[in-house]
Every structure is written in structure tokens, then in C-alpha cells.
Amino acid sequence: MNRSPAEIVREYGPFAGADQVHGVTYDGQQVWFAAGDKLTAFDPTTGKTQRSLDVAAQAGTAFDGQHLFQIAGDRIQKIDPQTGRVLATIPTPASGSSGLAWAEGALWVGQYQDRKIHQIDPQSGAILRTIESNRFVTGVTWVDGELWHGTWEGEESELRHIDPRTGEVLESLAMPSGVGVSGLESNGADQFFCGGGNSGKVRAVRRPTRGDAGGDAEIQVNSATD
């Protein structure tokens, strides 16, 4: 496994009225983050808040290209991003659901203390498969066929690229001491957006290029969010 320091390239926030940043997702133009009782979107170029939706938003967030998905307690809500209306709900796989991503027609749910990632059916919530981790799982994202997840235990937090078949850690990016990762999302290219928990911030971290780190175990999964 290749372990290197995370390169934080930009910080956003704190944001007015948002004491916590939980899940994070990206719709191609705006970064959305879960702030407890609302979902807030900001422009990643200017850092300015664009809009907010009044919905329960205590954990992971995802975007499927049309709808937002948000963990709210024991359920996942499918939300119209234009109106904030909840269109449907499905149960979470278990208590303690944290990260959320969308890829290849399925939702991927991080289980924090259970140290697992579940692929679930977005219509029924049925578990399709489970990937084991050896660390607490926070945010989850897919990018270019790579599965990444955040970890946060005590004062240590990192981003991990794992083999989606075995859960083996292929590379990791260690955040500075005391800097945690709650939500995790890719911009589809060279950066990750990382929720910063009670810091109230979102941090952009440089994604390693293929030449930066060894290890390559991809499956054909694209279009990821958390």
C-alpha cells in the first residue's frame, strides 16, 4: 500500500448557519453538503453559497445525475433538487449509516462503526453486496472505476482507495492530525471534496494521478457521488 500525506488545495467555509458538514456530493456545477437540518449548495469556484433545501441531512449525500439522495436517520430520502420535495424513501442497511455514493445504478452506503460498505438497490434498499473495511467508514465515492472512502478514528483521518472486490487498501492519503473527513466526493477528475465534520468546512484534496501511486484494481463503475 502506498501511503502519502493528503494535499489540501483549498478550504471552503465555515458557512453561515451550518455548524456541521456531514455528507458531500457534486452535481457537476455545485457542491452540496448535509448540514443537519438542510442541504446547502455552493459554487466550488467562488466558494459562495448558492441555495439551501430544508430537509433532514445528518449523514451521507449522493447525486444520480437527476436527484439528490440523503441519509436521514434510518432511511435514505430521494429528493428533487429544484424543490426539496422528498419523492421516495428506502431503509438504510443498518444503524450507523454514514457515507453515500451513486454508481452504475446503485447506491453505496458506508456503515461507520460496522466498518463496511454496502451496495444497495435504490428502489428497495436490498443489500446487493458488502465490502469489509478495517477502519471506521465515513464518506464514500467512485471515480474512474476506483472506490474511495473516508476514515475517521480519534484524531486520525484519511482517504482510502480500496479494491472493490476484496476491500484491500491500495493507497491512502493521510489528513493532517486533527483534520477529519466526514463526507467524501470526487469532482470526477483531479480533486476530492471532503466534509470536515464540526469544523464546518469542506476541503478540496488533490486526487493522485495514475503515476503518483501504485496499485490498480478497477471494475467498470462510473459516475460516483457521496
C-alpha atoms as a PDB file:
ATOM      1  CA  MET A   1       0.000   0.000   0.000  1.00  0.00           C
ATOM      2  CA  ASN A   2       1.211   3.482  -0.868  1.00  0.00           C
ATOM      3  CA  ARG A   3       0.540   5.932   1.990  1.00  0.00           C
ATOM      4  CA  SER A   4       1.198   9.631   1.480  1.00  0.00           C
ATOM      5  CA  PRO A   5       0.083  12.943   3.020  1.00  0.00           C
ATOM      6  CA  ALA A   6      -3.123  14.410   1.637  1.00  0.00           C
ATOM      7  CA  GLU A   7      -2.562  17.628  -0.311  1.00  0.00           C
ATOM      8  CA  ILE A   8      -5.278  20.084   0.708  1.00  0.00           C
ATOM      9  CA  VAL A   9      -5.574  22.565  -2.150  1.00  0.00           C
ATOM     10  CA  ARG A  10      -8.471  24.682  -0.873  1.00  0.00           C
ATOM     11  CA  GLU A  11     -10.792  25.164   2.098  1.00  0.00           C
ATOM     12  CA  TYR A  12     -14.399  26.340   1.894  1.00  0.00           C
ATOM     13  CA  GLY A  13     -16.365  27.737   4.825  1.00  0.00           C
ATOM     14  CA  PRO A  14     -17.309  27.865   7.587  1.00  0.00           C
ATOM     15  CA  PHE A  15     -20.734  28.585   6.149  1.00  0.00           C
ATOM     16  CA  ALA A  16     -23.347  30.794   7.784  1.00  0.00           C
ATOM     17  CA  GLY A  17     -25.931  28.728   9.660  1.00  0.00           C
ATOM     18  CA  ALA A  18     -24.022  25.456   9.203  1.00  0.00           C
ATOM     19  CA  ASP A  19     -22.173  24.250  12.314  1.00  0.00           C
ATOM     20  CA  GLN A  20     -21.565  20.769  10.895  1.00  0.00           C
ATOM     21  CA  VAL A  21     -20.692  19.315   7.496  1.00  0.00           C
ATOM     22  CA  HIS A  22     -21.781  15.702   7.048  1.00  0.00           C
ATOM     23  CA  GLY A  23     -22.270  14.181   3.585  1.00  0.00           C
ATOM     24  CA  VAL A  24     -20.933  15.861   0.433  1.00  0.00           C
ATOM     25  CA  THR A  25     -21.849  15.455  -3.231  1.00  0.00           C
ATOM     26  CA  TYR A  26     -21.232  17.229  -6.542  1.00  0.00           C
ATOM     27  CA  ASP A  27     -23.784  17.771  -9.312  1.00  0.00           C
ATOM     28  CA  GLY A  28     -21.274  18.886 -11.939  1.00  0.00           C
ATOM     29  CA  GLN A  29     -21.676  22.564 -11.076  1.00  0.00           C
ATOM     30  CA  GLN A  30     -22.334  22.874  -7.346  1.00  0.00           C
ATOM     31  CA  VAL A  31     -21.039  21.082  -4.264  1.00  0.00           C
ATOM     32  CA  TRP A  32     -23.855  20.058  -1.903  1.00  0.00           C
ATOM     33  CA  PHE A  33     -23.292  19.304   1.758  1.00  0.00           C
ATOM     34  CA  ALA A  34     -25.521  17.978   4.532  1.00  0.00           C
ATOM     35  CA  ALA A  35     -25.748  20.370   7.479  1.00  0.00           C
ATOM     36  CA  GLY A  36     -28.144  18.606   9.852  1.00  0.00           C
ATOM     37  CA  ASP A  37     -31.458  20.244   9.011  1.00  0.00           C
ATOM     38  CA  LYS A  38     -30.701  21.335   5.457  1.00  0.00           C
ATOM     39  CA  LEU A  39     -28.774  20.603   2.282  1.00  0.00           C
ATOM     40  CA  THR A  40     -26.686  23.548   1.116  1.00  0.00           C
ATOM     41  CA  ALA A  41     -25.059  24.079  -2.290  1.00  0.00           C
ATOM     42  CA  PHE A  42     -22.036  26.259  -3.014  1.00  0.00           C
ATOM     43  CA  ASP A  43     -20.029  27.190  -6.097  1.00  0.00           C
ATOM     44  CA  PRO A  44     -16.613  25.468  -5.883  1.00  0.00           C
ATOM     45  CA  THR A  45     -15.011  28.216  -7.984  1.00  0.00           C
ATOM     46  CA  THR A  46     -16.098  31.173  -5.860  1.00  0.00           C
ATOM     47  CA  GLY A  47     -16.910  29.366  -2.618  1.00  0.00           C
ATOM     48  CA  LYS A  48     -20.183  31.282  -2.390  1.00  0.00           C
ATOM     49  CA  THR A  49     -23.366  29.641  -1.110  1.00  0.00           C
ATOM     50  CA  GLN A  50     -25.967  29.256  -3.859  1.00  0.00           C
ATOM     51  CA  ARG A  51     -29.038  27.814  -2.165  1.00  0.00           C
ATOM     52  CA  SER A  52     -30.364  25.511   0.588  1.00  0.00           C
ATOM     53  CA  LEU A  53     -33.098  22.893   0.902  1.00  0.00           C
ATOM     54  CA  ASP A  54     -34.897  22.308   4.195  1.00  0.00           C
ATOM     55  CA  VAL A  55     -34.531  18.527   4.587  1.00  0.00           C
ATOM     56  CA  ALA A  56     -33.126  16.258   7.287  1.00  0.00           C
ATOM     57  CA  ALA A  57     -29.460  15.769   6.415  1.00  0.00           C
ATOM     58  CA  GLN A  58     -27.391  14.128   9.142  1.00  0.00           C
ATOM     59  CA  ALA A  59     -25.091  11.878   7.128  1.00  0.00           C
ATOM     60  CA  GLY A  60     -24.162  10.852   3.568  1.00  0.00           C
ATOM     61  CA  THR A  61     -25.326  12.600   0.407  1.00  0.00           C
ATOM     62  CA  ALA A  62     -25.328  11.452  -3.239  1.00  0.00           C
ATOM     63  CA  PHE A  63     -26.432  12.637  -6.697  1.00  0.00           C
ATOM     64  CA  ASP A  64     -27.502  10.340  -9.552  1.00  0.00           C
ATOM     65  CA  GLY A  65     -27.480  12.975 -12.276  1.00  0.00           C
ATOM     66  CA  GLN A  66     -31.060  13.994 -11.587  1.00  0.00           C
ATOM     67  CA  HIS A  67     -31.929  13.529  -7.920  1.00  0.00           C
ATOM     68  CA  LEU A  68     -30.218  14.002  -4.587  1.00  0.00           C
ATOM     69  CA  PHE A  69     -30.137  11.125  -2.089  1.00  0.00           C
ATOM     70  CA  GLN A  70     -29.730  11.875   1.591  1.00  0.00           C
ATOM     71  CA  ILE A  71     -29.330   9.662   4.655  1.00  0.00           C
ATOM     72  CA  ALA A  72     -31.708  10.813   7.390  1.00  0.00           C
ATOM     73  CA  GLY A  73     -31.588   8.509  10.408  1.00  0.00           C
ATOM     74  CA  ASP A  74     -32.851   5.056   9.455  1.00  0.00           C
ATOM     75  CA  ARG A  75     -33.861   5.990   5.902  1.00  0.00           C
ATOM     76  CA  ILE A  76     -32.470   7.310   2.635  1.00  0.00           C
ATOM     77  CA  GLN A  77     -34.504  10.068   1.027  1.00  0.00           C
ATOM     78  CA  LYS A  78     -34.706  10.685  -2.725  1.00  0.00           C
ATOM     79  CA  ILE A  79     -35.016  14.446  -3.182  1.00  0.00           C
ATOM     80  CA  ASP A  80     -35.951  16.775  -6.029  1.00  0.00           C
ATOM     81  CA  PRO A  81     -33.051  19.281  -6.041  1.00  0.00           C
ATOM     82  CA  GLN A  82     -35.236  22.009  -7.532  1.00  0.00           C
ATOM     83  CA  THR A  83     -37.968  21.949  -4.888  1.00  0.00           C
ATOM     84  CA  GLY A  84     -36.526  19.987  -1.960  1.00  0.00           C
ATOM     85  CA  ARG A  85     -39.526  17.636  -2.086  1.00  0.00           C
ATOM     86  CA  VAL A  86     -38.902  14.094  -0.848  1.00  0.00           C
ATOM     87  CA  LEU A  87     -40.005  11.806  -3.684  1.00  0.00           C
ATOM     88  CA  ALA A  88     -39.341   8.413  -2.073  1.00  0.00           C
ATOM     89  CA  THR A  89     -37.602   6.753   0.854  1.00  0.00           C
ATOM     90  CA  ILE A  90     -35.885   3.411   1.419  1.00  0.00           C
ATOM     91  CA  PRO A  91     -34.452   1.967   4.655  1.00  0.00           C
ATOM     92  CA  THR A  92     -30.747   2.168   5.385  1.00  0.00           C
ATOM     93  CA  PRO A  93     -28.972  -1.226   5.588  1.00  0.00           C
ATOM     94  CA  ALA A  94     -28.427  -0.850   9.362  1.00  0.00           C
ATOM     95  CA  SER A  95     -27.983   1.763  12.037  1.00  0.00           C
ATOM     96  CA  GLY A  96     -24.923   3.972  11.813  1.00  0.00           C
ATOM     97  CA  SER A  97     -25.085   4.608   8.068  1.00  0.00           C
ATOM     98  CA  SER A  98     -22.603   7.323   7.174  1.00  0.00           C
ATOM     99  CA  GLY A  99     -21.281   7.753   3.622  1.00  0.00           C
ATOM    100  CA  LEU A 100     -23.371   7.589   0.464  1.00  0.00           C
ATOM    101  CA  ALA A 101     -22.455   7.352  -3.221  1.00  0.00           C
ATOM    102  CA  TRP A 102     -24.173   6.651  -6.528  1.00  0.00           C
ATOM    103  CA  ALA A 103     -22.562   4.500  -9.229  1.00  0.00           C
ATOM    104  CA  GLU A 104     -23.871   2.237 -12.008  1.00  0.00           C
ATOM    105  CA  GLY A 105     -27.495   2.424 -10.970  1.00  0.00           C
ATOM    106  CA  ALA A 106     -26.875   1.562  -7.310  1.00  0.00           C
ATOM    107  CA  LEU A 107     -26.307   3.314  -4.013  1.00  0.00           C
ATOM    108  CA  TRP A 108     -23.191   2.600  -1.957  1.00  0.00           C
ATOM    109  CA  VAL A 109     -23.631   3.092   1.779  1.00  0.00           C
ATOM    110  CA  GLY A 110     -20.851   3.365   4.335  1.00  0.00           C
ATOM    111  CA  GLN A 111     -21.509   1.801   7.756  1.00  0.00           C
ATOM    112  CA  TYR A 112     -19.436   3.785  10.221  1.00  0.00           C
ATOM    113  CA  GLN A 113     -18.780   1.567  13.242  1.00  0.00           C
ATOM    114  CA  ASP A 114     -19.563  -1.669  11.381  1.00  0.00           C
ATOM    115  CA  ARG A 115     -16.633  -0.835   9.055  1.00  0.00           C
ATOM    116  CA  LYS A 116     -18.475  -1.872   5.916  1.00  0.00           C
ATOM    117  CA  ILE A 117     -19.627  -0.541   2.563  1.00  0.00           C
ATOM    118  CA  HIS A 118     -22.882  -1.922   1.156  1.00  0.00           C
ATOM    119  CA  GLN A 119     -24.045  -1.750  -2.444  1.00  0.00           C
ATOM    120  CA  ILE A 120     -27.830  -1.465  -2.293  1.00  0.00           C
ATOM    121  CA  ASP A 121     -30.789  -1.404  -4.650  1.00  0.00           C
ATOM    122  CA  PRO A 122     -32.024   2.223  -4.848  1.00  0.00           C
ATOM    123  CA  GLN A 123     -35.641   1.097  -5.261  1.00  0.00           C
ATOM    124  CA  SER A 124     -35.931  -1.386  -2.384  1.00  0.00           C
ATOM    125  CA  GLY A 125     -32.869  -0.860  -0.203  1.00  0.00           C
ATOM    126  CA  ALA A 126     -31.927  -4.538  -0.588  1.00  0.00           C
ATOM    127  CA  ILE A 127     -28.223  -5.243   0.000  1.00  0.00           C
ATOM    128  CA  LEU A 128     -26.558  -6.464  -3.212  1.00  0.00           C
ATOM    129  CA  ARG A 129     -23.070  -6.987  -1.786  1.00  0.00           C
ATOM    130  CA  THR A 130     -20.868  -5.928   1.108  1.00  0.00           C
ATOM    131  CA  ILE A 131     -17.238  -4.826   1.271  1.00  0.00           C
ATOM    132  CA  GLU A 132     -15.397  -5.100   4.596  1.00  0.00           C
ATOM    133  CA  SER A 133     -13.038  -2.411   5.911  1.00  0.00           C
ATOM    134  CA  ASN A 134     -10.683  -2.420   8.890  1.00  0.00           C
ATOM    135  CA  ARG A 135     -11.382   1.200   9.782  1.00  0.00           C
ATOM    136  CA  PHE A 136     -14.480   3.276  10.527  1.00  0.00           C
ATOM    137  CA  VAL A 137     -16.097   4.256   7.218  1.00  0.00           C
ATOM    138  CA  THR A 138     -17.308   7.818   6.668  1.00  0.00           C
ATOM    139  CA  GLY A 139     -17.739   9.195   3.125  1.00  0.00           C
ATOM    140  CA  VAL A 140     -17.753   7.011   0.006  1.00  0.00           C
ATOM    141  CA  THR A 141     -17.126   7.888  -3.642  1.00  0.00           C
ATOM    142  CA  TRP A 142     -16.365   6.273  -7.003  1.00  0.00           C
ATOM    143  CA  VAL A 143     -14.197   7.920  -9.665  1.00  0.00           C
ATOM    144  CA  ASP A 144     -12.839   6.380 -12.877  1.00  0.00           C
ATOM    145  CA  GLY A 145     -13.621   2.888 -11.626  1.00  0.00           C
ATOM    146  CA  GLU A 146     -11.867   3.486  -8.301  1.00  0.00           C
ATOM    147  CA  LEU A 147     -13.655   3.102  -4.967  1.00  0.00           C
ATOM    148  CA  TRP A 148     -12.507   5.513  -2.251  1.00  0.00           C
ATOM    149  CA  HIS A 149     -13.775   6.013   1.266  1.00  0.00           C
ATOM    150  CA  GLY A 150     -13.004   8.279   4.184  1.00  0.00           C
ATOM    151  CA  THR A 151     -11.971   7.096   7.635  1.00  0.00           C
ATOM    152  CA  TRP A 152     -12.030   8.994  10.908  1.00  0.00           C
ATOM    153  CA  GLU A 153     -10.956   7.483  14.223  1.00  0.00           C
ATOM    154  CA  GLY A 154      -9.827   9.732  17.063  1.00  0.00           C
ATOM    155  CA  GLU A 155      -7.508  12.397  15.672  1.00  0.00           C
ATOM    156  CA  GLU A 156      -6.604  10.350  12.586  1.00  0.00           C
ATOM    157  CA  SER A 157      -8.412  10.563   9.276  1.00  0.00           C
ATOM    158  CA  GLU A 158      -7.531   9.523   5.749  1.00  0.00           C
ATOM    159  CA  LEU A 159      -8.847   8.831   2.274  1.00  0.00           C
ATOM    160  CA  ARG A 160      -8.508   5.223   1.166  1.00  0.00           C
ATOM    161  CA  HIS A 161      -8.550   3.742  -2.324  1.00  0.00           C
ATOM    162  CA  ILE A 162      -9.671   0.129  -1.902  1.00  0.00           C
ATOM    163  CA  ASP A 163     -10.085  -2.933  -4.088  1.00  0.00           C
ATOM    164  CA  PRO A 164     -13.884  -3.208  -4.536  1.00  0.00           C
ATOM    165  CA  ARG A 165     -13.659  -6.998  -4.691  1.00  0.00           C
ATOM    166  CA  THR A 166     -11.582  -7.684  -1.594  1.00  0.00           C
ATOM    167  CA  GLY A 167     -11.554  -4.457   0.457  1.00  0.00           C
ATOM    168  CA  GLU A 168      -7.730  -4.402   0.299  1.00  0.00           C
ATOM    169  CA  VAL A 169      -6.317  -0.896   0.740  1.00  0.00           C
ATOM    170  CA  LEU A 170      -4.384   0.061  -2.391  1.00  0.00           C
ATOM    171  CA  GLU A 171      -3.354   3.572  -1.395  1.00  0.00           C
ATOM    172  CA  SER A 172      -4.195   6.124   1.256  1.00  0.00           C
ATOM    173  CA  LEU A 173      -3.958   9.868   1.734  1.00  0.00           C
ATOM    174  CA  ALA A 174      -3.415  10.868   5.367  1.00  0.00           C
ATOM    175  CA  MET A 175      -5.086  14.088   6.505  1.00  0.00           C
ATOM    176  CA  PRO A 176      -3.211  16.355   8.943  1.00  0.00           C
ATOM    177  CA  SER A 177      -3.657  15.469  12.608  1.00  0.00           C
ATOM    178  CA  GLY A 178      -6.974  16.751  13.920  1.00  0.00           C
ATOM    179  CA  VAL A 179      -8.455  17.246  10.435  1.00  0.00           C
ATOM    180  CA  GLY A 180     -11.305  14.787   9.916  1.00  0.00           C
ATOM    181  CA  VAL A 181     -13.191  13.551   6.863  1.00  0.00           C
ATOM    182  CA  SER A 182     -16.943  13.149   7.237  1.00  0.00           C
ATOM    183  CA  GLY A 183     -18.370  13.230   3.689  1.00  0.00           C
ATOM    184  CA  LEU A 184     -16.362  12.397   0.569  1.00  0.00           C
ATOM    185  CA  GLU A 185     -16.950  13.191  -3.099  1.00  0.00           C
ATOM    186  CA  SER A 186     -14.930  13.404  -6.298  1.00  0.00           C
ATOM    187  CA  ASN A 187     -15.228  16.147  -8.876  1.00  0.00           C
ATOM    188  CA  GLY A 188     -14.798  13.403 -11.486  1.00  0.00           C
ATOM    189  CA  ALA A 189     -11.229  14.421 -12.196  1.00  0.00           C
ATOM    190  CA  ASP A 190      -8.382  15.734 -10.061  1.00  0.00           C
ATOM    191  CA  GLN A 191      -9.943  16.567  -6.692  1.00  0.00           C
ATOM    192  CA  PHE A 192     -11.898  15.159  -3.784  1.00  0.00           C
ATOM    193  CA  PHE A 193     -14.306  17.268  -1.748  1.00  0.00           C
ATOM    194  CA  CYS A 194     -14.100  16.311   1.931  1.00  0.00           C
ATOM    195  CA  GLY A 195     -16.644  17.224   4.585  1.00  0.00           C
ATOM    196  CA  GLY A 196     -14.949  18.448   7.723  1.00  0.00           C
ATOM    197  CA  GLY A 197     -17.461  17.499  10.413  1.00  0.00           C
ATOM    198  CA  ASN A 198     -17.702  20.006  13.252  1.00  0.00           C
ATOM    199  CA  SER A 199     -15.122  22.309  11.632  1.00  0.00           C
ATOM    200  CA  GLY A 200     -17.968  23.479   9.417  1.00  0.00           C
ATOM    201  CA  LYS A 201     -15.633  23.339   6.412  1.00  0.00           C
ATOM    202  CA  VAL A 202     -15.339  21.493   3.114  1.00  0.00           C
ATOM    203  CA  ARG A 203     -11.799  20.812   1.952  1.00  0.00           C
ATOM    204  CA  ALA A 204     -10.588  20.069  -1.572  1.00  0.00           C
ATOM    205  CA  VAL A 205      -7.856  17.407  -1.673  1.00  0.00           C
ATOM    206  CA  ARG A 206      -5.783  16.637  -4.734  1.00  0.00           C
ATOM    207  CA  ARG A 207      -6.529  13.207  -6.190  1.00  0.00           C
ATOM    208  CA  PRO A 208      -3.362  11.254  -7.075  1.00  0.00           C
ATOM    209  CA  THR A 209      -2.746  10.720 -10.761  1.00  0.00           C
ATOM    210  CA  ARG A 210      -2.143   7.206 -12.017  1.00  0.00           C
ATOM    211  CA  GLY A 211       1.608   7.814 -11.900  1.00  0.00           C
ATOM    212  CA  ASP A 212       1.553   9.034  -8.290  1.00  0.00           C
ATOM    213  CA  ALA A 213       0.787   5.697  -6.642  1.00  0.00           C
ATOM    214  CA  GLY A 214       0.950   2.008  -7.270  1.00  0.00           C
ATOM    215  CA  GLY A 215      -1.936  -0.387  -7.150  1.00  0.00           C
ATOM    216  CA  ASP A 216      -4.672  -0.779  -9.701  1.00  0.00           C
ATOM    217  CA  ALA A 217      -7.793  -2.837  -9.194  1.00  0.00           C
ATOM    218  CA  GLU A 218     -10.681  -1.365 -11.121  1.00  0.00           C
ATOM    219  CA  ILE A 219     -14.113  -2.548 -12.049  1.00  0.00           C
ATOM    220  CA  GLN A 220     -16.335  -0.776 -14.509  1.00  0.00           C
ATOM    221  CA  VAL A 221     -18.195   1.587 -12.207  1.00  0.00           C
ATOM    222  CA  ASN A 222     -18.521   5.258 -13.090  1.00  0.00           C
ATOM    223  CA  SER A 223     -20.435   8.395 -12.161  1.00  0.00           C
ATOM    224  CA  ALA A 224     -19.857   8.476  -8.420  1.00  0.00           C
ATOM    225  CA  THR A 225     -21.038  10.671  -5.611  1.00  0.00           C
ATOM    226  CA  ASP A 226     -21.234  10.940  -1.825  1.00  0.00           C
END
